[in-house]
Amino acid sequence: MELNRFLPFIKKGLNPLQSNLIFKLKEKFPRLSFSLSVLAASIGVLFLLMFPYLLLTLPSALYDAAATATDLQGWIDAIILFFLIILAGGFSWAIYKLKFSLPTGLEITKEKFPHLLKLIEELQAEFNQPKIDRIILRDKYEICVLKTPRSQMPFLNTQTLIIGLPVLLTMSPLYFRALLARRIGQLSTQHTPVTTRLYFLSDIWAQFNVSCKHSKNGFTKALGYFFQVYTPFYQTLLMPLLQEEELEADSYGMDLINDRDMVECLVYEDVVRQFLKNKFWPKIYHMAKRSKTPEFMPFSQMTKVVKAGITDDEISETIQASLRVEVNNPAPMPSLTKRLNHLGHANPLPPKRLSTTAAEDYLGSALEKIIPLFDKRWLTKTKGK
């Protein structure tokens, strides 16, 4: 059962009034907002710990209640405790049986991708050697870190660095290095250790929600109802903090390149993201629908199309549209205006045009094998829809 049928606000997200209230609370009462964020995180942790705790403590209470029961009320109390133990045991078992799937993608190894691994190792050394358990290459435009719970509590996690092939194909080596530094720097928790941990909890709670949905166990499904409500609540309440953490990630990028280059990087990244989302991929899927064997394959043509399609006019139009977005927009990624202000630049700087791509520098000869592989996977998924 999906609770959004009965609680439609779960998927509607923040309306402008709610968004303004949450961001104003953060601006006027930062300590209160931070305390509420910590409290929200504690709710999820305490919820998971509650059932094992009850399972351990209630049996002694039941023994005392049964031993001292002398009237009907005493036996009713003992029966209630007995059923609470049954419930605590059922939910504890359900939590124990939760399974979490690691993100999938092409594994990045030192043997196949020595230049990319060397860059990652250099960035790890720059940021006090944060632990990265896995590195994978995927077909989405993204560079992110996903923490996957190893157990049934959100304390021990497998940290996967996810790099999108489209980023490598459309960004210069300098810009890619800065974007990668943003995420590896976050893992180091140098700047904001507490808020960074709260930031990563957002994805962890979402994984608890997904894990519960995939189970057929009644107790696990009941846990899922909690996470269906709790996960969007957590993300909504922590929206200002999530944005603040993204701004701190921009600061990690500036630890490696100067502020001017970082501003150009953010502007160009925003332009490329919008171009791929609004023009490149819609055109690709439209052409794929018209032909059983499309001649235009996305990954083999992406760099060429971006170089030709992102003209000065395209850059200007995209930037102007991005600057019109509300400063306190209800999304995990801050508006371009807020990001520029955080770097001390009120106005965007025109980015350098793409010449050499990060893919050419960091994937080397492996690029010739990767592109056909990703094109083939894309075609298979597209025809399977």
Protein backbone atom coordinates (compact mmCIF):
# COMPACT_ATOMS: atom_id res chain seq x y z
CA MET A 1 0.00 0.00 0.00
CA GLU A 2 1.34 3.42 -1.01
CA LEU A 3 0.65 6.04 1.64
CA ASN A 4 0.78 8.84 -0.91
CA ARG A 5 -2.72 7.76 -1.95
CA PHE A 6 -3.91 8.93 1.47
CA LEU A 7 -1.17 11.48 2.22
CA PRO A 8 -0.69 13.19 -1.18
CA PHE A 9 1.55 15.86 0.33
CA ILE A 10 4.33 13.26 0.46
CA LYS A 11 5.01 13.60 -3.26
CA LYS A 12 3.91 17.18 -3.79
CA GLY A 13 6.99 18.59 -2.10
CA LEU A 14 7.29 22.08 -0.72
CA ASN A 15 4.94 24.84 -1.79
CA PRO A 16 6.43 28.38 -1.93
CA LEU A 17 5.00 29.34 1.48
CA GLN A 18 6.44 26.26 3.22
CA SER A 19 9.75 26.79 1.46
CA ASN A 20 10.01 30.40 2.60
CA LEU A 21 9.15 29.47 6.18
CA ILE A 22 11.82 26.77 6.36
CA PHE A 23 14.51 28.97 4.83
CA LYS A 24 13.55 31.97 6.97
CA LEU A 25 13.80 29.79 10.06
CA LYS A 26 17.32 28.83 8.96
CA GLU A 27 18.27 32.47 8.34
CA LYS A 28 16.79 33.99 11.52
CA PHE A 29 17.29 31.13 13.96
CA PRO A 30 20.21 29.04 12.64
CA ARG A 31 20.79 27.23 15.94
CA LEU A 32 17.14 26.27 16.24
CA SER A 33 17.08 25.09 12.63
CA PHE A 34 20.22 23.02 13.20
CA SER A 35 18.78 21.53 16.40
CA LEU A 36 15.60 20.54 14.54
CA SER A 37 17.74 18.88 11.86
CA VAL A 38 19.60 16.84 14.47
CA LEU A 39 16.29 15.96 16.12
CA ALA A 40 14.86 14.83 12.77
CA ALA A 41 17.88 12.56 12.22
CA SER A 42 17.57 11.21 15.76
CA ILE A 43 13.94 10.21 15.13
CA GLY A 44 14.99 7.75 12.42
CA VAL A 45 17.83 6.28 14.47
CA LEU A 46 15.75 5.97 17.65
CA PHE A 47 12.90 4.39 15.70
CA LEU A 48 15.22 1.61 14.52
CA LEU A 49 16.77 1.16 17.98
CA MET A 50 13.43 1.18 19.78
CA PHE A 51 12.34 -2.34 18.84
CA PRO A 52 15.54 -4.19 19.87
CA TYR A 53 15.59 -2.15 23.07
CA LEU A 54 12.00 -3.15 23.90
CA LEU A 55 12.77 -6.77 23.05
CA LEU A 56 15.61 -6.76 25.56
CA THR A 57 13.89 -4.89 28.38
CA LEU A 58 10.23 -5.96 28.26
CA PRO A 59 10.71 -9.66 29.23
CA SER A 60 11.87 -8.70 32.72
CA ALA A 61 8.91 -6.33 33.04
CA LEU A 62 6.59 -9.16 31.91
CA TYR A 63 8.10 -11.52 34.51
CA ASP A 64 7.55 -8.98 37.28
CA ALA A 65 4.01 -8.24 36.09
CA ALA A 66 3.07 -11.95 35.93
CA ALA A 67 4.70 -12.70 39.30
CA THR A 68 2.83 -9.89 41.07
CA ALA A 69 -0.52 -10.13 39.27
CA THR A 70 -3.26 -10.58 41.83
CA ASP A 71 -6.31 -9.22 40.00
CA LEU A 72 -7.73 -8.88 36.49
CA GLN A 73 -5.99 -5.57 35.84
CA GLY A 74 -2.64 -7.10 36.71
CA TRP A 75 -3.16 -9.96 34.25
CA ILE A 76 -4.32 -7.52 31.55
CA ASP A 77 -1.09 -5.56 32.02
CA ALA A 78 0.92 -8.77 31.70
CA ILE A 79 -0.94 -9.76 28.52
CA ILE A 80 -0.31 -6.29 27.03
CA LEU A 81 3.39 -6.64 27.79
CA PHE A 82 3.39 -10.10 26.18
CA PHE A 83 1.91 -8.75 22.95
CA LEU A 84 4.34 -5.81 22.99
CA ILE A 85 7.19 -8.34 23.17
CA ILE A 86 5.73 -10.17 20.17
CA LEU A 87 5.53 -6.90 18.22
CA ALA A 88 9.03 -5.84 19.27
CA GLY A 89 10.37 -9.24 18.22
CA GLY A 90 8.61 -9.10 14.86
CA PHE A 91 9.86 -5.62 14.04
CA SER A 92 13.37 -6.40 15.30
CA TRP A 93 13.48 -9.44 13.01
CA ALA A 94 12.17 -7.32 10.12
CA ILE A 95 14.93 -4.74 10.70
CA TYR A 96 17.53 -7.51 10.95
CA LYS A 97 16.42 -8.96 7.58
CA LEU A 98 16.57 -5.65 5.68
CA LYS A 99 18.80 -5.87 2.60
CA PHE A 100 20.41 -2.99 0.74
CA SER A 101 21.60 -3.10 -2.86
CA LEU A 102 24.85 -1.45 -3.88
CA PRO A 103 24.60 0.91 -6.86
CA THR A 104 25.52 -0.78 -10.13
CA GLY A 105 27.80 0.43 -12.88
CA LEU A 106 31.10 -0.22 -14.61
CA GLU A 107 33.73 -0.83 -11.93
CA ILE A 108 36.69 1.54 -12.08
CA THR A 109 39.93 -0.34 -11.42
CA LYS A 110 43.54 0.78 -11.43
CA GLU A 111 44.43 -1.75 -14.14
CA LYS A 112 41.85 -0.44 -16.62
CA PHE A 113 41.69 3.25 -15.61
CA PRO A 114 45.11 4.20 -14.18
CA HIS A 115 44.87 7.94 -14.97
CA LEU A 116 41.43 8.36 -13.38
CA LEU A 117 42.46 6.36 -10.31
CA LYS A 118 45.62 8.45 -9.99
CA LEU A 119 43.53 11.63 -9.96
CA ILE A 120 41.19 10.21 -7.31
CA GLU A 121 44.15 9.15 -5.17
CA GLU A 122 45.63 12.66 -5.46
CA LEU A 123 42.34 14.18 -4.33
CA GLN A 124 42.10 11.73 -1.45
CA ALA A 125 45.59 12.80 -0.35
CA GLU A 126 44.49 16.43 -0.60
CA PHE A 127 41.51 15.82 1.68
CA ASN A 128 43.06 13.61 4.39
CA GLN A 129 42.43 10.25 2.74
CA PRO A 130 38.64 9.86 2.99
CA LYS A 131 37.63 6.25 2.49
CA ILE A 132 36.15 5.21 -0.85
CA ASP A 133 35.11 1.56 -1.07
CA ARG A 134 33.96 1.43 -4.68
CA ILE A 135 34.17 3.60 -7.79
CA ILE A 136 31.75 3.05 -10.66
CA LEU A 137 31.01 4.67 -14.00
CA ARG A 138 27.36 5.21 -14.96
CA ASP A 139 25.39 6.69 -17.84
CA LYS A 140 23.80 9.63 -15.98
CA TYR A 141 25.11 13.16 -15.72
CA GLU A 142 26.29 13.02 -12.11
CA ILE A 143 29.20 12.91 -9.72
CA CYS A 144 28.06 11.80 -6.31
CA VAL A 145 28.82 9.59 -3.34
CA LEU A 146 26.22 7.08 -2.21
CA LYS A 147 26.52 5.52 1.23
CA THR A 148 24.86 2.09 1.35
CA PRO A 149 24.16 0.63 4.82
CA ARG A 150 26.14 -2.53 5.57
CA SER A 151 23.88 -3.45 8.46
CA GLN A 152 20.41 -2.59 9.66
CA MET A 153 21.55 0.66 11.28
CA PRO A 154 22.78 3.77 9.42
CA PHE A 155 26.20 3.78 11.09
CA LEU A 156 28.41 1.50 8.97
CA ASN A 157 28.19 2.12 5.23
CA THR A 158 29.82 1.17 1.95
CA GLN A 159 30.88 4.39 0.23
CA THR A 160 30.52 4.35 -3.55
CA LEU A 161 31.88 7.16 -5.70
CA ILE A 162 29.65 7.40 -8.78
CA ILE A 163 31.00 9.17 -11.86
CA GLY A 164 28.76 9.83 -14.84
CA LEU A 165 30.27 9.23 -18.27
CA PRO A 166 28.40 12.31 -19.62
CA VAL A 167 30.37 14.49 -17.18
CA LEU A 168 33.65 13.12 -18.50
CA LEU A 169 32.49 13.59 -22.10
CA THR A 170 31.35 17.20 -21.68
CA MET A 171 33.67 18.80 -19.11
CA SER A 172 37.27 19.95 -19.45
CA PRO A 173 39.92 18.24 -17.29
CA LEU A 174 40.11 21.33 -15.04
CA TYR A 175 36.35 21.55 -14.47
CA PHE A 176 36.03 17.78 -13.96
CA ARG A 177 38.81 17.87 -11.36
CA ALA A 178 36.93 20.59 -9.45
CA LEU A 179 33.62 18.69 -9.60
CA LEU A 180 35.30 15.52 -8.39
CA ALA A 181 37.00 17.44 -5.58
CA ARG A 182 33.57 18.65 -4.38
CA ARG A 183 32.48 15.10 -3.60
CA ILE A 184 35.74 13.69 -2.29
CA GLY A 185 36.10 16.75 -0.08
CA GLN A 186 32.65 16.10 1.35
CA LEU A 187 33.71 12.62 2.40
CA SER A 188 36.54 14.12 4.43
CA THR A 189 34.02 16.11 6.55
CA GLN A 190 36.74 18.75 7.08
CA HIS A 191 34.51 21.82 6.93
CA THR A 192 31.18 20.77 8.45
CA PRO A 193 31.43 17.28 9.98
CA VAL A 194 27.95 17.17 11.57
CA THR A 195 25.99 18.70 8.69
CA THR A 196 27.83 16.49 6.20
CA ARG A 197 26.69 13.39 8.09
CA LEU A 198 23.12 14.72 8.20
CA TYR A 199 23.39 15.39 4.45
CA PHE A 200 24.34 11.79 3.64
CA LEU A 201 21.55 10.48 5.88
CA SER A 202 19.03 11.81 3.36
CA ASP A 203 20.01 9.14 0.82
CA ILE A 204 20.40 6.49 3.52
CA TRP A 205 16.80 6.95 4.71
CA ALA A 206 15.65 6.77 1.09
CA GLN A 207 17.39 3.38 0.81
CA PHE A 208 15.59 2.16 3.95
CA ASN A 209 12.35 3.19 2.27
CA VAL A 210 13.19 1.24 -0.91
CA SER A 211 14.37 -1.82 1.04
CA CYS A 212 11.09 -2.00 2.96
CA LYS A 213 9.05 -1.68 -0.24
CA HIS A 214 10.68 -4.75 -1.78
CA SER A 215 9.81 -7.04 1.13
CA LYS A 216 6.73 -9.24 1.42
CA ASN A 217 7.02 -9.53 5.21
CA GLY A 218 4.13 -7.84 7.04
CA PHE A 219 6.33 -6.32 9.73
CA THR A 220 8.74 -4.98 7.12
CA LYS A 221 5.88 -3.43 5.17
CA ALA A 222 4.72 -1.74 8.37
CA LEU A 223 8.25 -0.32 8.75
CA GLY A 224 7.93 0.87 5.18
CA TYR A 225 4.88 2.98 6.05
CA PHE A 226 7.01 4.84 8.58
CA PHE A 227 9.79 5.50 6.06
CA GLN A 228 7.29 6.53 3.38
CA VAL A 229 6.36 9.44 5.62
CA TYR A 230 9.66 9.98 7.43
CA THR A 231 11.96 10.14 4.36
CA PRO A 232 10.24 13.07 2.58
CA PHE A 233 9.70 14.76 5.96
CA TYR A 234 13.42 14.53 6.68
CA GLN A 235 14.38 15.84 3.23
CA THR A 236 11.88 18.69 3.49
CA LEU A 237 12.92 19.84 6.94
CA LEU A 238 16.61 19.63 6.07
CA MET A 239 16.34 21.36 2.67
CA PRO A 240 18.29 24.47 3.83
CA LEU A 241 20.97 22.23 5.36
CA LEU A 242 21.20 20.12 2.19
CA GLN A 243 21.74 23.28 0.17
CA GLU A 244 24.28 24.56 2.67
CA GLU A 245 26.24 21.35 2.33
CA GLU A 246 26.28 21.71 -1.46
CA LEU A 247 27.69 25.22 -1.00
CA GLU A 248 30.38 23.79 1.25
CA ALA A 249 31.14 21.26 -1.49
CA ASP A 250 31.80 24.21 -3.83
CA SER A 251 34.33 25.42 -1.26
CA TYR A 252 36.13 22.07 -1.48
CA GLY A 253 36.41 22.62 -5.22
CA MET A 254 38.03 26.00 -4.56
CA ASP A 255 40.67 24.27 -2.47
CA LEU A 256 42.12 23.08 -5.79
CA ILE A 257 41.37 25.83 -8.31
CA ASN A 258 40.99 29.59 -7.99
CA ASP A 259 37.64 31.25 -7.42
CA ARG A 260 37.36 32.55 -10.98
CA ASP A 261 37.84 29.09 -12.49
CA MET A 262 35.39 27.65 -9.96
CA VAL A 263 32.73 30.19 -10.94
CA GLU A 264 33.29 29.39 -14.61
CA CYS A 265 33.05 25.68 -13.77
CA LEU A 266 29.70 26.07 -11.98
CA VAL A 267 28.29 28.16 -14.82
CA TYR A 268 29.42 25.76 -17.52
CA GLU A 269 28.23 22.73 -15.54
CA ASP A 270 24.79 24.30 -15.19
CA VAL A 271 24.67 25.09 -18.93
CA VAL A 272 25.71 21.57 -19.94
CA ARG A 273 23.26 19.95 -17.53
CA GLN A 274 20.37 22.00 -18.90
CA PHE A 275 21.44 21.43 -22.51
CA LEU A 276 21.55 17.65 -22.10
CA LYS A 277 18.28 17.54 -20.17
CA ASN A 278 16.21 19.89 -22.33
CA LYS A 279 17.66 19.48 -25.83
CA PHE A 280 20.08 16.59 -26.27
CA TRP A 281 18.21 13.69 -24.64
CA PRO A 282 14.70 14.66 -25.88
CA LYS A 283 16.08 14.79 -29.42
CA ILE A 284 17.88 11.46 -28.97
CA TYR A 285 14.76 9.67 -27.71
CA HIS A 286 12.62 11.23 -30.43
CA MET A 287 14.98 9.91 -33.10
CA ALA A 288 15.12 6.49 -31.42
CA LYS A 289 11.33 6.19 -31.55
CA ARG A 290 11.29 6.90 -35.29
CA SER A 291 13.86 4.25 -36.18
CA LYS A 292 14.42 0.68 -35.05
CA THR A 293 18.17 1.13 -35.47
CA PRO A 294 18.97 4.80 -34.75
CA GLU A 295 22.07 6.05 -36.52
CA PHE A 296 22.68 8.71 -33.88
CA MET A 297 24.07 7.04 -30.75
CA PRO A 298 24.18 9.30 -27.68
CA PHE A 299 27.56 8.70 -26.07
CA SER A 300 29.55 8.52 -29.30
CA GLN A 301 28.08 11.87 -30.39
CA MET A 302 27.71 13.68 -27.07
CA THR A 303 30.99 15.58 -27.06
CA LYS A 304 30.58 16.68 -30.67
CA VAL A 305 27.02 17.89 -30.11
CA VAL A 306 27.93 19.78 -26.93
CA LYS A 307 30.84 21.53 -28.63
CA ALA A 308 28.65 22.59 -31.54
CA GLY A 309 25.40 23.20 -29.68
CA ILE A 310 26.56 25.18 -26.65
CA THR A 311 27.16 28.47 -28.39
CA ASP A 312 27.62 31.86 -26.75
CA ASP A 313 23.89 32.51 -27.20
CA GLU A 314 23.03 29.16 -25.60
CA ILE A 315 25.26 29.96 -22.64
CA SER A 316 23.76 33.42 -22.22
CA GLU A 317 20.14 32.21 -22.43
CA THR A 318 20.70 29.37 -19.98
CA ILE A 319 22.50 31.59 -17.47
CA GLN A 320 19.75 34.22 -17.58
CA ALA A 321 17.11 31.54 -16.99
CA SER A 322 19.10 30.08 -14.08
CA LEU A 323 19.54 33.50 -12.49
CA ARG A 324 15.76 33.96 -12.47
CA VAL A 325 15.28 30.90 -10.25
CA GLU A 326 14.29 31.77 -6.69
CA VAL A 327 17.29 32.06 -4.38
CA ASN A 328 15.61 29.76 -1.84
CA ASN A 329 14.29 27.26 -4.34
CA PRO A 330 13.00 24.05 -2.69
CA ALA A 331 15.58 21.66 -4.17
CA PRO A 332 18.65 19.96 -2.72
CA MET A 333 20.94 21.82 -5.15
CA PRO A 334 21.06 25.58 -4.45
CA SER A 335 20.21 28.07 -7.16
CA LEU A 336 23.02 29.36 -9.35
CA THR A 337 22.62 32.80 -7.76
CA LYS A 338 23.14 31.40 -4.27
CA ARG A 339 26.18 29.39 -5.38
CA LEU A 340 27.78 32.40 -7.05
CA ASN A 341 27.14 34.59 -4.01
CA HIS A 342 28.73 31.96 -1.78
CA LEU A 343 31.90 32.15 -3.89
CA GLY A 344 31.91 35.94 -3.66
CA HIS A 345 30.80 36.62 -7.24
CA ALA A 346 27.50 38.40 -7.79
CA ASN A 347 27.72 37.94 -11.56
CA PRO A 348 28.52 34.78 -13.54
CA LEU A 349 31.71 34.59 -15.58
CA PRO A 350 31.68 33.25 -19.15
CA PRO A 351 33.16 29.74 -19.12
CA LYS A 352 35.94 28.55 -21.37
CA ARG A 353 34.74 26.69 -24.45
CA LEU A 354 35.31 22.95 -24.46
CA SER A 355 38.41 21.76 -26.32
CA THR A 356 39.90 18.71 -24.59
CA THR A 357 37.50 16.59 -22.55
CA ALA A 358 38.15 14.93 -19.20
CA ALA A 359 37.34 11.60 -20.86
CA GLU A 360 40.31 11.99 -23.21
CA ASP A 361 42.66 12.80 -20.34
CA TYR A 362 41.48 10.36 -17.68
CA LEU A 363 40.02 7.39 -19.55
CA GLY A 364 42.71 7.15 -22.22
CA SER A 365 42.56 4.17 -24.57
CA ALA A 366 39.72 2.61 -22.54
CA LEU A 367 37.40 5.30 -23.91
CA GLU A 368 37.22 3.52 -27.28
CA LYS A 369 35.72 0.46 -25.57
CA ILE A 370 33.53 2.28 -23.06
CA ILE A 371 31.57 4.43 -25.50
CA PRO A 372 30.28 1.51 -27.67
CA LEU A 373 29.48 -0.41 -24.47
CA PHE A 374 27.38 2.43 -23.04
CA ASP A 375 25.71 3.08 -26.40
CA LYS A 376 24.76 -0.59 -26.65
CA ARG A 377 23.35 -0.60 -23.10
CA TRP A 378 21.38 2.56 -23.84
CA LEU A 379 19.93 1.06 -27.02
CA THR A 380 18.93 -2.13 -25.18
CA LYS A 381 17.17 -0.17 -22.42
CA THR A 382 15.48 2.13 -24.93
CA LYS A 383 14.08 -0.70 -27.02
CA GLY A 384 12.99 -2.53 -23.88
CA LYS A 385 10.65 0.29 -22.84
